[in-house]
C-alpha cells in the first residue's frame, strides 16, 4: 500500500537440529535489537539482518510498518509502506509491488521484496571498509539527488551508510539511510531510504 507517512506429536517432541539452531540464532538477534540503545550499532544490526535474510528478527526490530524509498527524495504520494508482519511472507514469496518509479524513465519499479532489497538497499555492502557512517548529518543534496528525509521524518534519528564514489566521474557513490524511531529508550526501524546518482 502506498501512502503518505504518518506517524503432529513425535516430530514436535524432537525438532530437527538445524531448525533449533536457526531458532536460537534468530532469538539471539532479536535480543540484540531489543536491548540495543546505540543508534549506529542498532542500524548495523539491521544491515546484518538484511544481508542474511533474517526477516523474522527484522520484524522485531521494526515499527509496525516501514517505508521504502528507492531515492533520497521521498515521494510522499507514492512511497511504499509495508507492514512489518509481512516481511517474511513477502521476502520468500513472488508477489511484486510497486516501489516507486525509476529515475530518468519514470517507469514503475515493480519487484519482489527480495529483489527490491538487493537493488535498492544492498547494492553495496554498508558494512564494508571505507563506507562512512554518520548520524543525523545527512546533506540536503548530493550531486543531483535532493534529500527530504528530514522533512518527511522530522522526529527521527537517521543513520546513513555512505559509499564514496570510486570512479573518475564521481557518479558511482551509494547511500543507505535508516530512519529510526525511539520510544522508551528503544529504537525501531521506520524507513529505508536509498540514494544514488540521478539524472
Protein backbone atom coordinates (compact mmCIF):
# COMPACT_ATOMS: atom_id res chain seq x y z
CA UNK A 1 0.00 0.00 0.00
CA UNK A 2 1.33 3.39 -0.91
CA UNK A 3 0.50 6.32 1.33
CA UNK A 4 1.77 9.44 3.00
CA UNK A 5 3.90 8.68 6.08
CA UNK A 6 2.24 9.37 9.47
CA UNK A 7 3.38 8.88 12.27
CA UNK A 8 1.79 -33.74 14.53
CA UNK A 9 3.39 -35.26 18.03
CA UNK A 10 6.63 -37.23 17.71
CA UNK A 11 8.07 -34.63 15.46
CA UNK A 12 7.19 -31.87 17.89
CA UNK A 13 8.96 -33.65 20.74
CA UNK A 14 12.33 -33.59 18.94
CA UNK A 15 12.65 -30.95 16.22
CA UNK A 16 15.42 -31.22 13.69
CA UNK A 17 18.77 -29.88 14.92
CA UNK A 18 19.09 -27.34 12.11
CA UNK A 19 15.69 -25.91 12.97
CA UNK A 20 16.72 -25.47 16.62
CA UNK A 21 19.95 -23.72 15.61
CA UNK A 22 18.11 -21.32 13.32
CA UNK A 23 15.52 -20.58 16.03
CA UNK A 24 18.24 -19.92 18.64
CA UNK A 25 20.12 -17.67 16.22
CA UNK A 26 17.01 -15.62 15.45
CA UNK A 27 16.20 -15.29 19.16
CA UNK A 28 19.75 -14.05 19.79
CA UNK A 29 19.44 -11.47 17.02
CA UNK A 30 16.10 -10.35 18.40
CA UNK A 31 17.60 -9.82 21.86
CA UNK A 32 20.46 -7.82 20.34
CA UNK A 33 17.95 -5.50 18.70
CA UNK A 34 15.62 -5.18 21.66
CA UNK A 35 18.41 -4.26 24.06
CA UNK A 36 20.48 -2.02 21.82
CA UNK A 37 20.49 1.62 22.89
CA UNK A 38 23.09 2.98 20.48
CA UNK A 39 21.53 4.09 17.20
CA UNK A 40 24.54 3.36 14.99
CA UNK A 41 25.02 -0.13 16.44
CA UNK A 42 21.28 -0.78 16.05
CA UNK A 43 21.46 0.26 12.39
CA UNK A 44 24.42 -2.08 11.82
CA UNK A 45 22.38 -4.93 13.33
CA UNK A 46 19.62 -4.12 10.83
CA UNK A 47 22.11 -4.30 7.96
CA UNK A 48 23.24 -7.75 9.13
CA UNK A 49 19.65 -8.96 9.21
CA UNK A 50 19.06 -7.65 5.68
CA UNK A 51 22.23 -9.25 4.34
CA UNK A 52 21.45 -12.62 5.96
CA UNK A 53 17.73 -12.54 5.15
CA UNK A 54 16.59 -12.83 8.78
CA UNK A 55 13.15 -11.38 8.23
CA UNK A 56 11.65 -12.67 11.49
CA UNK A 57 14.22 -10.81 13.55
CA UNK A 58 13.87 -7.79 11.28
CA UNK A 59 10.16 -7.71 12.07
CA UNK A 60 11.05 -7.47 15.77
CA UNK A 61 13.40 -4.58 15.12
CA UNK A 62 10.92 -2.60 13.05
CA UNK A 63 7.97 -0.35 13.69
CA UNK A 64 4.53 -1.73 12.80
CA UNK A 65 5.08 -0.51 9.26
CA UNK A 66 8.18 0.56 7.34
CA UNK A 67 8.50 2.91 4.38
CA UNK A 68 10.81 2.12 1.46
CA UNK A 69 12.12 4.79 -0.87
CA UNK A 70 14.48 3.96 -3.77
CA UNK A 71 15.78 7.52 -3.89
CA UNK A 72 16.65 10.16 -1.30
CA UNK A 73 13.79 12.41 -2.33
CA UNK A 74 10.91 10.58 -0.65
CA UNK A 75 7.81 10.83 -2.83
CA UNK A 76 5.20 11.04 -0.09
CA UNK A 77 2.35 10.47 -2.53
CA UNK A 78 3.70 7.12 -3.72
CA UNK A 79 6.19 5.85 -1.12
CA UNK A 80 5.69 2.15 -0.44
CA UNK A 81 4.61 1.24 3.08
CA UNK A 82 4.96 -2.40 4.18
CA UNK A 83 3.52 -3.86 7.35
CA UNK A 84 6.46 -5.43 9.19
CA UNK A 85 4.49 -8.60 9.96
CA UNK A 86 4.54 -9.26 6.18
CA UNK A 87 8.33 -9.16 5.77
CA UNK A 88 8.88 -12.94 5.84
CA UNK A 89 5.91 -13.66 3.60
CA UNK A 90 7.00 -11.09 1.03
CA UNK A 91 10.70 -11.99 1.19
CA UNK A 92 10.06 -15.67 0.48
CA UNK A 93 7.22 -15.13 -1.97
CA UNK A 94 6.92 -13.90 -5.54
CA UNK A 95 4.45 -11.06 -5.08
CA UNK A 96 5.62 -7.93 -6.84
CA UNK A 97 4.92 -4.46 -5.52
CA UNK A 98 5.38 -1.01 -6.99
CA UNK A 99 8.19 0.70 -5.08
CA UNK A 100 8.21 3.97 -6.95
CA UNK A 101 9.45 4.95 -10.40
CA UNK A 102 12.89 4.76 -11.97
CA UNK A 103 14.81 7.98 -12.19
CA UNK A 104 15.16 9.15 -15.76
CA UNK A 105 12.50 6.93 -17.35
CA UNK A 106 9.61 7.22 -14.93
CA UNK A 107 8.87 3.53 -15.39
CA UNK A 108 7.40 1.80 -12.34
CA UNK A 109 9.80 -0.10 -10.11
CA UNK A 110 7.94 -3.40 -9.94
CA UNK A 111 9.84 -6.02 -7.92
CA UNK A 112 9.51 -8.65 -5.23
CA UNK A 113 10.57 -7.59 -1.75
CA UNK A 114 13.84 -9.55 -2.05
CA UNK A 115 14.59 -8.08 -5.46
CA UNK A 116 13.96 -4.58 -4.16
CA UNK A 117 16.26 -5.04 -1.17
CA UNK A 118 19.03 -6.39 -3.38
CA UNK A 119 18.77 -3.45 -5.76
CA UNK A 120 17.82 -0.56 -3.51
CA UNK A 121 19.38 -1.44 -0.15
CA UNK A 122 22.15 -3.98 -0.65
CA UNK A 123 23.56 -2.80 -3.97
CA UNK A 124 26.68 -2.11 -1.90
CA UNK A 125 27.88 -3.52 1.41
CA UNK A 126 27.05 -0.91 4.07
CA UNK A 127 29.43 -2.65 6.50
CA UNK A 128 32.41 -2.75 4.15
CA UNK A 129 35.65 -0.94 4.86
CA UNK A 130 35.61 2.58 3.51
CA UNK A 131 31.88 3.11 3.99
CA UNK A 132 31.23 6.23 6.02
CA UNK A 133 28.64 6.01 8.79
CA UNK A 134 27.05 9.14 10.16
CA UNK A 135 24.22 10.09 12.48
CA UNK A 136 21.84 12.93 11.77
CA UNK A 137 24.24 14.68 9.41
CA UNK A 138 22.71 13.83 6.03
CA UNK A 139 23.12 16.51 3.34
CA UNK A 140 20.13 18.22 1.76
CA UNK A 141 21.53 17.15 -1.59
CA UNK A 142 24.37 15.10 -3.04
CA UNK A 143 25.12 15.53 -6.72
CA UNK A 144 21.76 15.85 -8.46
CA UNK A 145 19.97 13.92 -5.71
CA UNK A 146 17.80 16.01 -3.40
CA UNK A 147 17.14 14.74 0.11
CA UNK A 148 13.94 15.47 2.03
CA UNK A 149 14.23 12.72 4.66
CA UNK A 150 14.41 15.24 7.48
CA UNK A 151 11.24 16.98 6.34
CA UNK A 152 9.29 13.73 5.93
CA UNK A 153 10.53 12.18 9.20
CA UNK A 154 11.26 15.19 11.43
CA UNK A 155 11.28 13.38 14.79
CA UNK A 156 13.54 10.55 13.73
CA UNK A 157 17.19 9.57 14.07
CA UNK A 158 18.81 8.99 10.69
CA UNK A 159 21.84 6.75 10.26
CA UNK A 160 23.49 6.97 6.86
CA UNK A 161 25.85 4.43 5.31
CA UNK A 162 27.64 6.27 2.51
CA UNK A 163 29.99 4.66 -0.03
CA UNK A 164 32.04 7.36 -1.75
CA UNK A 165 32.50 7.28 -5.50
CA UNK A 166 35.41 5.21 -6.77
CA UNK A 167 35.35 6.20 -10.45
CA UNK A 168 36.71 9.41 -12.02
CA UNK A 169 33.21 10.59 -12.91
CA UNK A 170 32.24 10.58 -9.24
CA UNK A 171 28.87 9.08 -10.05
CA UNK A 172 29.03 5.56 -8.57
CA UNK A 173 28.55 6.58 -4.96
CA UNK A 174 25.79 4.89 -2.96
CA UNK A 175 23.91 5.68 0.22
CA UNK A 176 21.53 3.82 2.51
CA UNK A 177 19.71 5.79 5.17
CA UNK A 178 17.95 4.13 8.07
CA UNK A 179 15.23 6.19 9.67
CA UNK A 180 14.83 5.15 13.30
CA UNK A 181 12.18 5.99 15.84
CA UNK A 182 12.98 5.90 19.53
CA UNK A 183 10.47 5.10 22.24
CA UNK A 184 11.20 4.25 25.86
CA UNK A 185 14.90 4.03 25.07
CA UNK A 186 14.40 1.50 22.27
CA UNK A 187 14.96 2.02 18.56
CA UNK A 188 12.77 0.70 15.78
CA UNK A 189 13.27 0.88 12.01
CA UNK A 190 10.74 3.19 10.37
CA UNK A 191 12.12 3.71 6.87
CA UNK A 192 14.84 2.56 4.48
CA UNK A 193 15.88 5.28 2.06
CA UNK A 194 18.35 4.51 -0.72
CA UNK A 195 20.25 7.07 -2.71
CA UNK A 196 22.48 7.15 -5.76
CA UNK A 197 23.48 9.49 -8.55
CA UNK A 198 20.39 10.52 -10.51
CA UNK A 199 19.82 12.23 -13.82
